[in-house]
């Protein structure tokens, strides 16, 4: 996520048009503390019940009952609709940022 934070301005430029939400099953208090500590500019959303993650295929339940959450990013267009989903988001893979930048540009130019 540090690479994501460090590339945020380059990826998004005018952030008033497109938003990106990162959703995980972590509690909101933990996400807020983590985002503040690391100065992440992304909006983190908590899906403790795994409802959203299950709907979009980013949740895996193991036979043991443990729920695993892939990092998933949702690119939201100016109308508030999901325009692109990256599930899982491969934050250590440089090509993931290229794909994300292309998605943001595509969504930004449609508005």
PDB file of N, CA and C in Angstrom:
ATOM      1  N   UNK A   1       0.816  -1.200   0.000  1.00  0.00           N
ATOM      2  CA  UNK A   1       0.000   0.000   0.000  1.00  0.00           C
ATOM      3  C   UNK A   1       0.858   1.262   0.000  1.00  0.00           C
ATOM      4  N   UNK A   2       2.111   1.170   0.445  1.00  0.00           N
ATOM      5  CA  UNK A   2       2.972   2.346   0.408  1.00  0.00           C
ATOM      6  C   UNK A   2       3.199   2.790  -1.036  1.00  0.00           C
ATOM      7  N   UNK A   3       3.386   1.831  -1.935  1.00  0.00           N
ATOM      8  CA  UNK A   3       3.589   2.170  -3.348  1.00  0.00           C
ATOM      9  C   UNK A   3       2.340   2.865  -3.886  1.00  0.00           C
ATOM     10  N   UNK A   4       1.187   2.400  -3.486  1.00  0.00           N
ATOM     11  CA  UNK A   4      -0.076   3.007  -3.894  1.00  0.00           C
ATOM     12  C   UNK A   4      -0.138   4.457  -3.411  1.00  0.00           C
ATOM     13  N   UNK A   5       0.177   4.648  -2.141  1.00  0.00           N
ATOM     14  CA  UNK A   5       0.169   6.003  -1.571  1.00  0.00           C
ATOM     15  C   UNK A   5       1.140   6.917  -2.321  1.00  0.00           C
ATOM     16  N   UNK A   6       2.330   6.398  -2.586  1.00  0.00           N
ATOM     17  CA  UNK A   6       3.368   7.199  -3.212  1.00  0.00           C
ATOM     18  C   UNK A   6       3.044   7.565  -4.658  1.00  0.00           C
ATOM     19  N   UNK A   7       2.183   6.791  -5.316  1.00  0.00           N
ATOM     20  CA  UNK A   7       1.829   7.052  -6.709  1.00  0.00           C
ATOM     21  C   UNK A   7       0.452   7.705  -6.864  1.00  0.00           C
ATOM     22  N   UNK A   8      -0.207   7.969  -5.765  1.00  0.00           N
ATOM     23  CA  UNK A   8      -1.589   8.433  -5.802  1.00  0.00           C
ATOM     24  C   UNK A   8      -1.783   9.678  -6.684  1.00  0.00           C
ATOM     25  N   UNK A   9      -1.002  10.719  -6.449  1.00  0.00           N
ATOM     26  CA  UNK A   9      -1.167  11.970  -7.210  1.00  0.00           C
ATOM     27  C   UNK A   9      -0.946  11.744  -8.699  1.00  0.00           C
ATOM     28  N   UNK A  10       0.042  10.945  -9.027  1.00  0.00           N
ATOM     29  CA  UNK A  10       0.325  10.663 -10.435  1.00  0.00           C
ATOM     30  C   UNK A  10      -0.813   9.872 -11.073  1.00  0.00           C
ATOM     31  N   UNK A  11      -1.364   8.929 -10.336  1.00  0.00           N
ATOM     32  CA  UNK A  11      -2.435   8.089 -10.866  1.00  0.00           C
ATOM     33  C   UNK A  11      -3.741   8.851 -11.045  1.00  0.00           C
ATOM     34  N   UNK A  12      -4.053   9.706 -10.102  1.00  0.00           N
ATOM     35  CA  UNK A  12      -5.388  10.291 -10.074  1.00  0.00           C
ATOM     36  C   UNK A  12      -5.472  11.750 -10.480  1.00  0.00           C
ATOM     37  N   UNK A  13      -4.393  12.494 -10.371  1.00  0.00           N
ATOM     38  CA  UNK A  13      -4.437  13.903 -10.760  1.00  0.00           C
ATOM     39  C   UNK A  13      -5.584  14.625 -10.104  1.00  0.00           C
ATOM     40  N   UNK A  14      -6.586  15.003 -10.879  1.00  0.00           N
ATOM     41  CA  UNK A  14      -7.765  15.688 -10.365  1.00  0.00           C
ATOM     42  C   UNK A  14      -8.679  14.655  -9.719  1.00  0.00           C
ATOM     43  N   UNK A  15      -8.546  14.505  -8.423  1.00  0.00           N
ATOM     44  CA  UNK A  15      -9.301  13.466  -7.721  1.00  0.00           C
ATOM     45  C   UNK A  15     -10.767  13.830  -7.505  1.00  0.00           C
ATOM     46  N   UNK A  16     -11.190  14.986  -7.983  1.00  0.00           N
ATOM     47  CA  UNK A  16     -12.596  15.339  -7.799  1.00  0.00           C
ATOM     48  C   UNK A  16     -13.504  14.554  -8.747  1.00  0.00           C
ATOM     49  N   UNK A  17     -12.942  13.963  -9.805  1.00  0.00           N
ATOM     50  CA  UNK A  17     -13.761  13.248 -10.785  1.00  0.00           C
ATOM     51  C   UNK A  17     -13.945  11.761 -10.455  1.00  0.00           C
ATOM     52  N   UNK A  18     -12.880  11.119 -10.037  1.00  0.00           N
ATOM     53  CA  UNK A  18     -12.905   9.671  -9.835  1.00  0.00           C
ATOM     54  C   UNK A  18     -12.452   9.356  -8.419  1.00  0.00           C
ATOM     55  N   UNK A  19     -13.101   8.407  -7.808  1.00  0.00           N
ATOM     56  CA  UNK A  19     -12.733   7.978  -6.461  1.00  0.00           C
ATOM     57  C   UNK A  19     -12.386   6.496  -6.488  1.00  0.00           C
ATOM     58  N   UNK A  20     -11.522   6.110  -5.580  1.00  0.00           N
ATOM     59  CA  UNK A  20     -11.166   4.704  -5.436  1.00  0.00           C
ATOM     60  C   UNK A  20     -11.383   4.326  -3.983  1.00  0.00           C
ATOM     61  N   UNK A  21     -12.124   3.247  -3.781  1.00  0.00           N
ATOM     62  CA  UNK A  21     -12.376   2.737  -2.445  1.00  0.00           C
ATOM     63  C   UNK A  21     -11.686   1.393  -2.291  1.00  0.00           C
ATOM     64  N   UNK A  22     -11.006   1.221  -1.187  1.00  0.00           N
ATOM     65  CA  UNK A  22     -10.398  -0.063  -0.857  1.00  0.00           C
ATOM     66  C   UNK A  22     -11.260  -0.671   0.251  1.00  0.00           C
ATOM     67  N   UNK A  23     -11.761  -1.862  -0.001  1.00  0.00           N
ATOM     68  CA  UNK A  23     -12.681  -2.501   0.934  1.00  0.00           C
ATOM     69  C   UNK A  23     -12.036  -3.756   1.506  1.00  0.00           C
ATOM     70  N   UNK A  24     -12.131  -3.894   2.829  1.00  0.00           N
ATOM     71  CA  UNK A  24     -11.609  -5.099   3.472  1.00  0.00           C
ATOM     72  C   UNK A  24     -12.510  -5.475   4.648  1.00  0.00           C
ATOM     73  N   UNK A  25     -12.277  -6.647   5.208  1.00  0.00           N
ATOM     74  CA  UNK A  25     -13.075  -7.104   6.340  1.00  0.00           C
ATOM     75  C   UNK A  25     -12.533  -6.594   7.673  1.00  0.00           C
ATOM     76  N   UNK A  26     -11.491  -5.781   7.626  1.00  0.00           N
ATOM     77  CA  UNK A  26     -10.922  -5.230   8.852  1.00  0.00           C
ATOM     78  C   UNK A  26     -11.885  -4.235   9.491  1.00  0.00           C
ATOM     79  N   UNK A  27     -11.884  -4.135  10.828  1.00  0.00           N
ATOM     80  CA  UNK A  27     -12.751  -3.168  11.507  1.00  0.00           C
ATOM     81  C   UNK A  27     -12.413  -1.733  11.113  1.00  0.00           C
ATOM     82  N   UNK A  28     -13.427  -0.869  11.080  1.00  0.00           N
ATOM     83  CA  UNK A  28     -13.215   0.514  10.660  1.00  0.00           C
ATOM     84  C   UNK A  28     -12.203   1.249  11.528  1.00  0.00           C
ATOM     85  N   UNK A  29     -12.175   0.967  12.815  1.00  0.00           N
ATOM     86  CA  UNK A  29     -11.219   1.642  13.699  1.00  0.00           C
ATOM     87  C   UNK A  29      -9.782   1.281  13.328  1.00  0.00           C
ATOM     88  N   UNK A  30      -9.562   0.031  12.979  1.00  0.00           N
ATOM     89  CA  UNK A  30      -8.227  -0.397  12.579  1.00  0.00           C
ATOM     90  C   UNK A  30      -7.827   0.249  11.257  1.00  0.00           C
ATOM     91  N   UNK A  31      -8.741   0.275  10.290  1.00  0.00           N
ATOM     92  CA  UNK A  31      -8.461   0.891   8.995  1.00  0.00           C
ATOM     93  C   UNK A  31      -8.167   2.380   9.140  1.00  0.00           C
ATOM     94  N   UNK A  32      -8.936   3.064   9.969  1.00  0.00           N
ATOM     95  CA  UNK A  32      -8.739   4.505  10.165  1.00  0.00           C
ATOM     96  C   UNK A  32      -7.382   4.781  10.797  1.00  0.00           C
ATOM     97  N   UNK A  33      -7.019   4.001  11.808  1.00  0.00           N
ATOM     98  CA  UNK A  33      -5.731   4.196  12.466  1.00  0.00           C
ATOM     99  C   UNK A  33      -4.583   3.914  11.500  1.00  0.00           C
ATOM    100  N   UNK A  34      -4.729   2.863  10.716  1.00  0.00           N
ATOM    101  CA  UNK A  34      -3.698   2.476   9.746  1.00  0.00           C
ATOM    102  C   UNK A  34      -3.550   3.547   8.669  1.00  0.00           C
ATOM    103  N   UNK A  35      -4.657   4.050   8.136  1.00  0.00           N
ATOM    104  CA  UNK A  35      -4.625   5.078   7.090  1.00  0.00           C
ATOM    105  C   UNK A  35      -3.985   6.360   7.614  1.00  0.00           C
ATOM    106  N   UNK A  36      -4.310   6.732   8.843  1.00  0.00           N
ATOM    107  CA  UNK A  36      -3.746   7.947   9.421  1.00  0.00           C
ATOM    108  C   UNK A  36      -2.253   7.773   9.698  1.00  0.00           C
ATOM    109  N   UNK A  37      -1.875   6.655  10.261  1.00  0.00           N
ATOM    110  CA  UNK A  37      -0.472   6.397  10.598  1.00  0.00           C
ATOM    111  C   UNK A  37       0.418   6.423   9.359  1.00  0.00           C
ATOM    112  N   UNK A  38      -0.078   5.867   8.257  1.00  0.00           N
ATOM    113  CA  UNK A  38       0.708   5.758   7.030  1.00  0.00           C
ATOM    114  C   UNK A  38       0.436   6.889   6.045  1.00  0.00           C
ATOM    115  N   UNK A  39      -0.487   7.801   6.378  1.00  0.00           N
ATOM    116  CA  UNK A  39      -0.859   8.922   5.511  1.00  0.00           C
ATOM    117  C   UNK A  39      -1.371   8.454   4.152  1.00  0.00           C
ATOM    118  N   UNK A  40      -2.223   7.449   4.166  1.00  0.00           N
ATOM    119  CA  UNK A  40      -2.803   6.958   2.916  1.00  0.00           C
ATOM    120  C   UNK A  40      -3.931   7.883   2.472  1.00  0.00           C
ATOM    121  N   UNK A  41      -3.937   8.317   1.211  1.00  0.00           N
ATOM    122  CA  UNK A  41      -4.982   9.207   0.725  1.00  0.00           C
ATOM    123  C   UNK A  41      -6.235   8.478   0.227  1.00  0.00           C
ATOM    124  N   UNK A  42      -6.214   7.169   0.220  1.00  0.00           N
ATOM    125  CA  UNK A  42      -7.333   6.381  -0.277  1.00  0.00           C
ATOM    126  C   UNK A  42      -8.427   6.299   0.784  1.00  0.00           C
ATOM    127  N   UNK A  43      -9.657   6.097   0.342  1.00  0.00           N
ATOM    128  CA  UNK A  43     -10.764   5.891   1.261  1.00  0.00           C
ATOM    129  C   UNK A  43     -10.879   4.399   1.536  1.00  0.00           C
ATOM    130  N   UNK A  44     -10.700   4.016   2.797  1.00  0.00           N
ATOM    131  CA  UNK A  44     -10.829   2.621   3.193  1.00  0.00           C
ATOM    132  C   UNK A  44     -12.232   2.408   3.750  1.00  0.00           C
ATOM    133  N   UNK A  45     -12.852   1.322   3.337  1.00  0.00           N
ATOM    134  CA  UNK A  45     -14.191   0.980   3.816  1.00  0.00           C
ATOM    135  C   UNK A  45     -14.145  -0.379   4.487  1.00  0.00           C
ATOM    136  N   UNK A  46     -14.856  -0.487   5.591  1.00  0.00           N
ATOM    137  CA  UNK A  46     -14.882  -1.722   6.359  1.00  0.00           C
ATOM    138  C   UNK A  46     -16.111  -2.553   5.989  1.00  0.00           C
ATOM    139  N   UNK A  47     -15.854  -3.809   5.692  1.00  0.00           N
ATOM    140  CA  UNK A  47     -16.900  -4.765   5.308  1.00  0.00           C
ATOM    141  C   UNK A  47     -16.813  -5.952   6.268  1.00  0.00           C
ATOM    142  N   UNK A  48     -16.976  -5.660   7.558  1.00  0.00           N
ATOM    143  CA  UNK A  48     -16.780  -6.672   8.593  1.00  0.00           C
ATOM    144  C   UNK A  48     -17.618  -7.926   8.342  1.00  0.00           C
ATOM    145  N   UNK A  49     -18.822  -7.781   7.857  1.00  0.00           N
ATOM    146  CA  UNK A  49     -19.682  -8.931   7.589  1.00  0.00           C
ATOM    147  C   UNK A  49     -19.394  -9.614   6.264  1.00  0.00           C
ATOM    148  N   UNK A  50     -18.436  -9.084   5.496  1.00  0.00           N
ATOM    149  CA  UNK A  50     -18.021  -9.635   4.197  1.00  0.00           C
ATOM    150  C   UNK A  50     -19.148  -9.651   3.164  1.00  0.00           C
ATOM    151  N   UNK A  51     -20.122  -8.772   3.319  1.00  0.00           N
ATOM    152  CA  UNK A  51     -21.260  -8.721   2.392  1.00  0.00           C
ATOM    153  C   UNK A  51     -20.816  -8.225   1.018  1.00  0.00           C
ATOM    154  N   UNK A  52     -20.126  -7.091   0.984  1.00  0.00           N
ATOM    155  CA  UNK A  52     -19.678  -6.517  -0.286  1.00  0.00           C
ATOM    156  C   UNK A  52     -18.622  -7.417  -0.929  1.00  0.00           C
ATOM    157  N   UNK A  53     -17.664  -7.847  -0.131  1.00  0.00           N
ATOM    158  CA  UNK A  53     -16.605  -8.708  -0.649  1.00  0.00           C
ATOM    159  C   UNK A  53     -17.141  -9.996  -1.241  1.00  0.00           C
ATOM    160  N   UNK A  54     -18.136 -10.564  -0.616  1.00  0.00           N
ATOM    161  CA  UNK A  54     -18.747 -11.789  -1.136  1.00  0.00           C
ATOM    162  C   UNK A  54     -19.453 -11.507  -2.457  1.00  0.00           C
ATOM    163  N   UNK A  55     -20.161 -10.388  -2.509  1.00  0.00           N
ATOM    164  CA  UNK A  55     -20.888 -10.022  -3.727  1.00  0.00           C
ATOM    165  C   UNK A  55     -19.953  -9.852  -4.918  1.00  0.00           C
ATOM    166  N   UNK A  56     -18.760  -9.298  -4.670  1.00  0.00           N
ATOM    167  CA  UNK A  56     -17.826  -9.016  -5.757  1.00  0.00           C
ATOM    168  C   UNK A  56     -16.691 -10.024  -5.861  1.00  0.00           C
ATOM    169  N   UNK A  57     -16.790 -11.135  -5.173  1.00  0.00           N
ATOM    170  CA  UNK A  57     -15.831 -12.222  -5.332  1.00  0.00           C
ATOM    171  C   UNK A  57     -14.470 -12.001  -4.719  1.00  0.00           C
ATOM    172  N   UNK A  58     -14.374 -11.138  -3.736  1.00  0.00           N
ATOM    173  CA  UNK A  58     -13.066 -10.908  -3.122  1.00  0.00           C
ATOM    174  C   UNK A  58     -12.916 -11.574  -1.756  1.00  0.00           C
ATOM    175  N   UNK A  59     -13.871 -12.414  -1.412  1.00  0.00           N
ATOM    176  CA  UNK A  59     -13.833 -13.129  -0.134  1.00  0.00           C
ATOM    177  C   UNK A  59     -13.732 -14.626  -0.397  1.00  0.00           C
ATOM    178  N   UNK A  60     -12.851 -15.272   0.359  1.00  0.00           N
ATOM    179  CA  UNK A  60     -12.734 -16.730   0.299  1.00  0.00           C
ATOM    180  C   UNK A  60     -12.926 -17.279   1.697  1.00  0.00           C
ATOM    181  N   UNK A  61     -13.816 -18.210   1.825  1.00  0.00           N
ATOM    182  CA  UNK A  61     -14.008 -18.883   3.112  1.00  0.00           C
ATOM    183  C   UNK A  61     -13.293 -20.234   3.053  1.00  0.00           C
ATOM    184  N   UNK A  62     -12.401 -20.451   3.992  1.00  0.00           N
ATOM    185  CA  UNK A  62     -11.682 -21.721   4.063  1.00  0.00           C
ATOM    186  C   UNK A  62     -12.547 -22.766   4.753  1.00  0.00           C
ATOM    187  N   UNK A  63     -12.282 -24.038   4.512  1.00  0.00           N
ATOM    188  CA  UNK A  63     -13.054 -25.092   5.178  1.00  0.00           C
ATOM    189  C   UNK A  63     -13.051 -24.960   6.703  1.00  0.00           C
ATOM    190  N   UNK A  64     -12.000 -24.353   7.242  1.00  0.00           N
ATOM    191  CA  UNK A  64     -11.901 -24.170   8.692  1.00  0.00           C
ATOM    192  C   UNK A  64     -12.841 -23.086   9.213  1.00  0.00           C
ATOM    193  N   UNK A  65     -13.457 -22.330   8.291  1.00  0.00           N
ATOM    194  CA  UNK A  65     -14.333 -21.243   8.689  1.00  0.00           C
ATOM    195  C   UNK A  65     -13.651 -19.885   8.672  1.00  0.00           C
ATOM    196  N   UNK A  66     -12.349 -19.868   8.468  1.00  0.00           N
ATOM    197  CA  UNK A  66     -11.612 -18.611   8.393  1.00  0.00           C
ATOM    198  C   UNK A  66     -11.980 -17.890   7.088  1.00  0.00           C
ATOM    199  N   UNK A  67     -12.200 -16.583   7.180  1.00  0.00           N
ATOM    200  CA  UNK A  67     -12.542 -15.778   6.010  1.00  0.00           C
ATOM    201  C   UNK A  67     -11.301 -15.002   5.581  1.00  0.00           C
ATOM    202  N   UNK A  68     -10.923 -15.172   4.326  1.00  0.00           N
ATOM    203  CA  UNK A  68      -9.785 -14.439   3.772  1.00  0.00           C
ATOM    204  C   UNK A  68     -10.301 -13.364   2.834  1.00  0.00           C
ATOM    205  N   UNK A  69      -9.675 -12.213   2.904  1.00  0.00           N
ATOM    206  CA  UNK A  69     -10.099 -11.055   2.130  1.00  0.00           C
ATOM    207  C   UNK A  69      -8.981 -10.655   1.180  1.00  0.00           C
ATOM    208  N   UNK A  70      -9.253 -10.724  -0.127  1.00  0.00           N
ATOM    209  CA  UNK A  70      -8.292 -10.216  -1.096  1.00  0.00           C
ATOM    210  C   UNK A  70      -8.401  -8.701  -1.101  1.00  0.00           C
ATOM    211  N   UNK A  71      -7.297  -8.033  -1.362  1.00  0.00           N
ATOM    212  CA  UNK A  71      -7.356  -6.572  -1.490  1.00  0.00           C
ATOM    213  C   UNK A  71      -8.112  -6.242  -2.773  1.00  0.00           C
ATOM    214  N   UNK A  72      -9.172  -5.488  -2.630  1.00  0.00           N
ATOM    215  CA  UNK A  72     -10.005  -5.142  -3.775  1.00  0.00           C
ATOM    216  C   UNK A  72     -10.161  -3.630  -3.844  1.00  0.00           C
ATOM    217  N   UNK A  73      -9.971  -3.087  -5.041  1.00  0.00           N
ATOM    218  CA  UNK A  73     -10.169  -1.662  -5.260  1.00  0.00           C
ATOM    219  C   UNK A  73     -11.335  -1.463  -6.215  1.00  0.00           C
ATOM    220  N   UNK A  74     -12.167  -0.484  -5.901  1.00  0.00           N
ATOM    221  CA  UNK A  74     -13.290  -0.131  -6.744  1.00  0.00           C
ATOM    222  C   UNK A  74     -13.081   1.286  -7.264  1.00  0.00           C
ATOM    223  N   UNK A  75     -13.056   1.457  -8.567  1.00  0.00           N
ATOM    224  CA  UNK A  75     -12.958   2.777  -9.173  1.00  0.00           C
ATOM    225  C   UNK A  75     -14.398   3.253  -9.376  1.00  0.00           C
ATOM    226  N   UNK A  76     -14.712   4.398  -8.772  1.00  0.00           N
ATOM    227  CA  UNK A  76     -16.070   4.924  -8.782  1.00  0.00           C
ATOM    228  C   UNK A  76     -16.129   6.137  -9.708  1.00  0.00           C
ATOM    229  N   UNK A  77     -17.076   6.117 -10.649  1.00  0.00           N
ATOM    230  CA  UNK A  77     -17.177   7.225 -11.606  1.00  0.00           C
ATOM    231  C   UNK A  77     -17.872   8.427 -10.958  1.00  0.00           C
ATOM    232  N   UNK A  78     -17.878   9.567 -11.649  1.00  0.00           N
ATOM    233  CA  UNK A  78     -18.484  10.773 -11.072  1.00  0.00           C
ATOM    234  C   UNK A  78     -19.964  10.628 -10.710  1.00  0.00           C
ATOM    235  N   UNK A  79     -20.662   9.689 -11.347  1.00  0.00           N
ATOM    236  CA  UNK A  79     -22.074   9.459 -11.032  1.00  0.00           C
ATOM    237  C   UNK A  79     -22.252   8.554  -9.822  1.00  0.00           C
ATOM    238  N   UNK A  80     -21.140   8.076  -9.263  1.00  0.00           N
ATOM    239  CA  UNK A  80     -21.207   7.221  -8.082  1.00  0.00           C
ATOM    240  C   UNK A  80     -21.366   5.751  -8.392  1.00  0.00           C
ATOM    241  N   UNK A  81     -21.140   5.353  -9.637  1.00  0.00           N
ATOM    242  CA  UNK A  81     -21.273   3.950 -10.026  1.00  0.00           C
ATOM    243  C   UNK A  81     -19.905   3.289 -10.128  1.00  0.00           C
ATOM    244  N   UNK A  82     -19.880   2.007  -9.847  1.00  0.00           N
ATOM    245  CA  UNK A  82     -18.635   1.250  -9.972  1.00  0.00           C
ATOM    246  C   UNK A  82     -18.296   1.137 -11.452  1.00  0.00           C
ATOM    247  N   UNK A  83     -17.113   1.638 -11.810  1.00  0.00           N
ATOM    248  CA  UNK A  83     -16.693   1.633 -13.206  1.00  0.00           C
ATOM    249  C   UNK A  83     -15.614   0.589 -13.480  1.00  0.00           C
ATOM    250  N   UNK A  84     -14.909   0.165 -12.445  1.00  0.00           N
ATOM    251  CA  UNK A  84     -13.829  -0.806 -12.628  1.00  0.00           C
ATOM    252  C   UNK A  84     -13.545  -1.453 -11.278  1.00  0.00           C
ATOM    253  N   UNK A  85     -13.335  -2.759 -11.283  1.00  0.00           N
ATOM    254  CA  UNK A  85     -13.008  -3.490 -10.063  1.00  0.00           C
ATOM    255  C   UNK A  85     -11.674  -4.189 -10.267  1.00  0.00           C
ATOM    256  N   UNK A  86     -10.798  -4.052  -9.300  1.00  0.00           N
ATOM    257  CA  UNK A  86      -9.526  -4.767  -9.323  1.00  0.00           C
ATOM    258  C   UNK A  86      -9.525  -5.700  -8.117  1.00  0.00           C
ATOM    259  N   UNK A  87      -9.752  -6.989  -8.394  1.00  0.00           N
ATOM    260  CA  UNK A  87      -9.855  -7.977  -7.326  1.00  0.00           C
ATOM    261  C   UNK A  87      -9.094  -9.234  -7.707  1.00  0.00           C
ATOM    262  N   UNK A  88      -8.026  -9.515  -7.026  1.00  0.00           N
ATOM    263  CA  UNK A  88      -7.416  -8.695  -5.975  1.00  0.00           C
ATOM    264  C   UNK A  88      -6.545  -7.609  -6.578  1.00  0.00           C
ATOM    265  N   UNK A  89      -6.320  -6.554  -5.807  1.00  0.00           N
ATOM    266  CA  UNK A  89      -5.377  -5.526  -6.223  1.00  0.00           C
ATOM    267  C   UNK A  89      -3.996  -5.990  -5.788  1.00  0.00           C
ATOM    268  N   UNK A  90      -3.104  -6.126  -6.742  1.00  0.00           N
ATOM    269  CA  UNK A  90      -1.750  -6.640  -6.478  1.00  0.00           C
ATOM    270  C   UNK A  90      -0.810  -5.467  -6.220  1.00  0.00           C
ATOM    271  N   UNK A  91      -0.824  -4.969  -4.992  1.00  0.00           N
ATOM    272  CA  UNK A  91      -0.127  -3.729  -4.669  1.00  0.00           C
ATOM    273  C   UNK A  91       1.385  -3.766  -4.849  1.00  0.00           C
ATOM    274  N   UNK A  92       1.978  -4.939  -4.905  1.00  0.00           N
ATOM    275  CA  UNK A  92       3.436  -5.020  -5.109  1.00  0.00           C
ATOM    276  C   UNK A  92       3.805  -5.229  -6.577  1.00  0.00           C
ATOM    277  N   UNK A  93       2.826  -5.343  -7.442  1.00  0.00           N
ATOM    278  CA  UNK A  93       3.057  -5.560  -8.871  1.00  0.00           C
ATOM    279  C   UNK A  93       2.926  -4.226  -9.614  1.00  0.00           C
ATOM    280  N   UNK A  94       4.022  -3.727 -10.209  1.00  0.00           N
ATOM    281  CA  UNK A  94       3.961  -2.443 -10.911  1.00  0.00           C
ATOM    282  C   UNK A  94       2.900  -2.396 -12.018  1.00  0.00           C
ATOM    283  N   UNK A  95       2.600  -3.523 -12.644  1.00  0.00           N
ATOM    284  CA  UNK A  95       1.595  -3.520 -13.707  1.00  0.00           C
ATOM    285  C   UNK A  95       0.196  -3.234 -13.160  1.00  0.00           C
ATOM    286  N   UNK A  96      -0.018  -3.496 -11.879  1.00  0.00           N
ATOM    287  CA  UNK A  96      -1.314  -3.198 -11.268  1.00  0.00           C
ATOM    288  C   UNK A  96      -1.569  -1.691 -11.279  1.00  0.00           C
ATOM    289  N   UNK A  97      -0.524  -0.916 -11.088  1.00  0.00           N
ATOM    290  CA  UNK A  97      -0.668   0.540 -11.086  1.00  0.00           C
ATOM    291  C   UNK A  97      -0.902   1.072 -12.492  1.00  0.00           C
ATOM    292  N   UNK A  98      -0.304   0.415 -13.465  1.00  0.00           N
ATOM    293  CA  UNK A  98      -0.551   0.782 -14.858  1.00  0.00           C
ATOM    294  C   UNK A  98      -2.015   0.527 -15.194  1.00  0.00           C
ATOM    295  N   UNK A  99      -2.514  -0.636 -14.799  1.00  0.00           N
ATOM    296  CA  UNK A  99      -3.919  -0.977 -15.034  1.00  0.00           C
ATOM    297  C   UNK A  99      -4.848  -0.001 -14.307  1.00  0.00           C
ATOM    298  N   UNK A 100      -4.508   0.329 -13.074  1.00  0.00           N
ATOM    299  CA  UNK A 100      -5.326   1.259 -12.297  1.00  0.00           C
ATOM    300  C   UNK A 100      -5.325   2.646 -12.941  1.00  0.00           C
ATOM    301  N   UNK A 101      -4.167   3.117 -13.361  1.00  0.00           N
ATOM    302  CA  UNK A 101      -4.078   4.434 -14.007  1.00  0.00           C
ATOM    303  C   UNK A 101      -4.903   4.467 -15.289  1.00  0.00           C
ATOM    304  N   UNK A 102      -4.854   3.387 -16.055  1.00  0.00           N
ATOM    305  CA  UNK A 102      -5.642   3.317 -17.298  1.00  0.00           C
ATOM    306  C   UNK A 102      -7.137   3.333 -16.996  1.00  0.00           C
ATOM    307  N   UNK A 103      -7.537   2.619 -15.953  1.00  0.00           N
ATOM    308  CA  UNK A 103      -8.959   2.595 -15.577  1.00  0.00           C
ATOM    309  C   UNK A 103      -9.417   3.981 -15.132  1.00  0.00           C
ATOM    310  N   UNK A 104      -8.612   4.647 -14.329  1.00  0.00           N
ATOM    311  CA  UNK A 104      -8.960   5.987 -13.857  1.00  0.00           C
ATOM    312  C   UNK A 104      -9.058   6.952 -15.030  1.00  0.00           C
ATOM    313  N   UNK A 105      -8.105   6.878 -15.950  1.00  0.00           N
ATOM    314  CA  UNK A 105      -8.123   7.763 -17.121  1.00  0.00           C
ATOM    315  C   UNK A 105      -9.370   7.507 -17.970  1.00  0.00           C
ATOM    316  N   UNK A 106      -9.686   6.226 -18.176  1.00  0.00           N
ATOM    317  CA  UNK A 106     -10.857   5.861 -18.974  1.00  0.00           C
ATOM    318  C   UNK A 106     -12.136   6.401 -18.331  1.00  0.00           C
ATOM    319  N   UNK A 107     -12.264   6.246 -17.032  1.00  0.00           N
ATOM    320  CA  UNK A 107     -13.461   6.708 -16.320  1.00  0.00           C
ATOM    321  C   UNK A 107     -13.508   8.236 -16.316  1.00  0.00           C
ATOM    322  N   UNK A 108     -12.358   8.884 -16.127  1.00  0.00           N
ATOM    323  CA  UNK A 108     -12.302  10.345 -16.086  1.00  0.00           C
ATOM    324  C   UNK A 108     -12.705  10.977 -17.407  1.00  0.00           C
ATOM    325  N   UNK A 109     -12.306  10.368 -18.505  1.00  0.00           N
ATOM    326  CA  UNK A 109     -12.596  10.957 -19.820  1.00  0.00           C
ATOM    327  C   UNK A 109     -14.028  10.730 -20.268  1.00  0.00           C
ATOM    328  N   UNK A 110     -14.725   9.810 -19.627  1.00  0.00           N
ATOM    329  CA  UNK A 110     -16.143   9.570 -19.969  1.00  0.00           C
ATOM    330  C   UNK A 110     -17.050  10.636 -19.398  1.00  0.00           C
ATOM    331  N   UNK A 111     -16.573  11.329 -18.383  1.00  0.00           N
ATOM    332  CA  UNK A 111     -17.456  12.304 -17.713  1.00  0.00           C
ATOM    333  C   UNK A 111     -17.426  13.654 -18.372  1.00  0.00           C
TER     334      UNK A 111
END
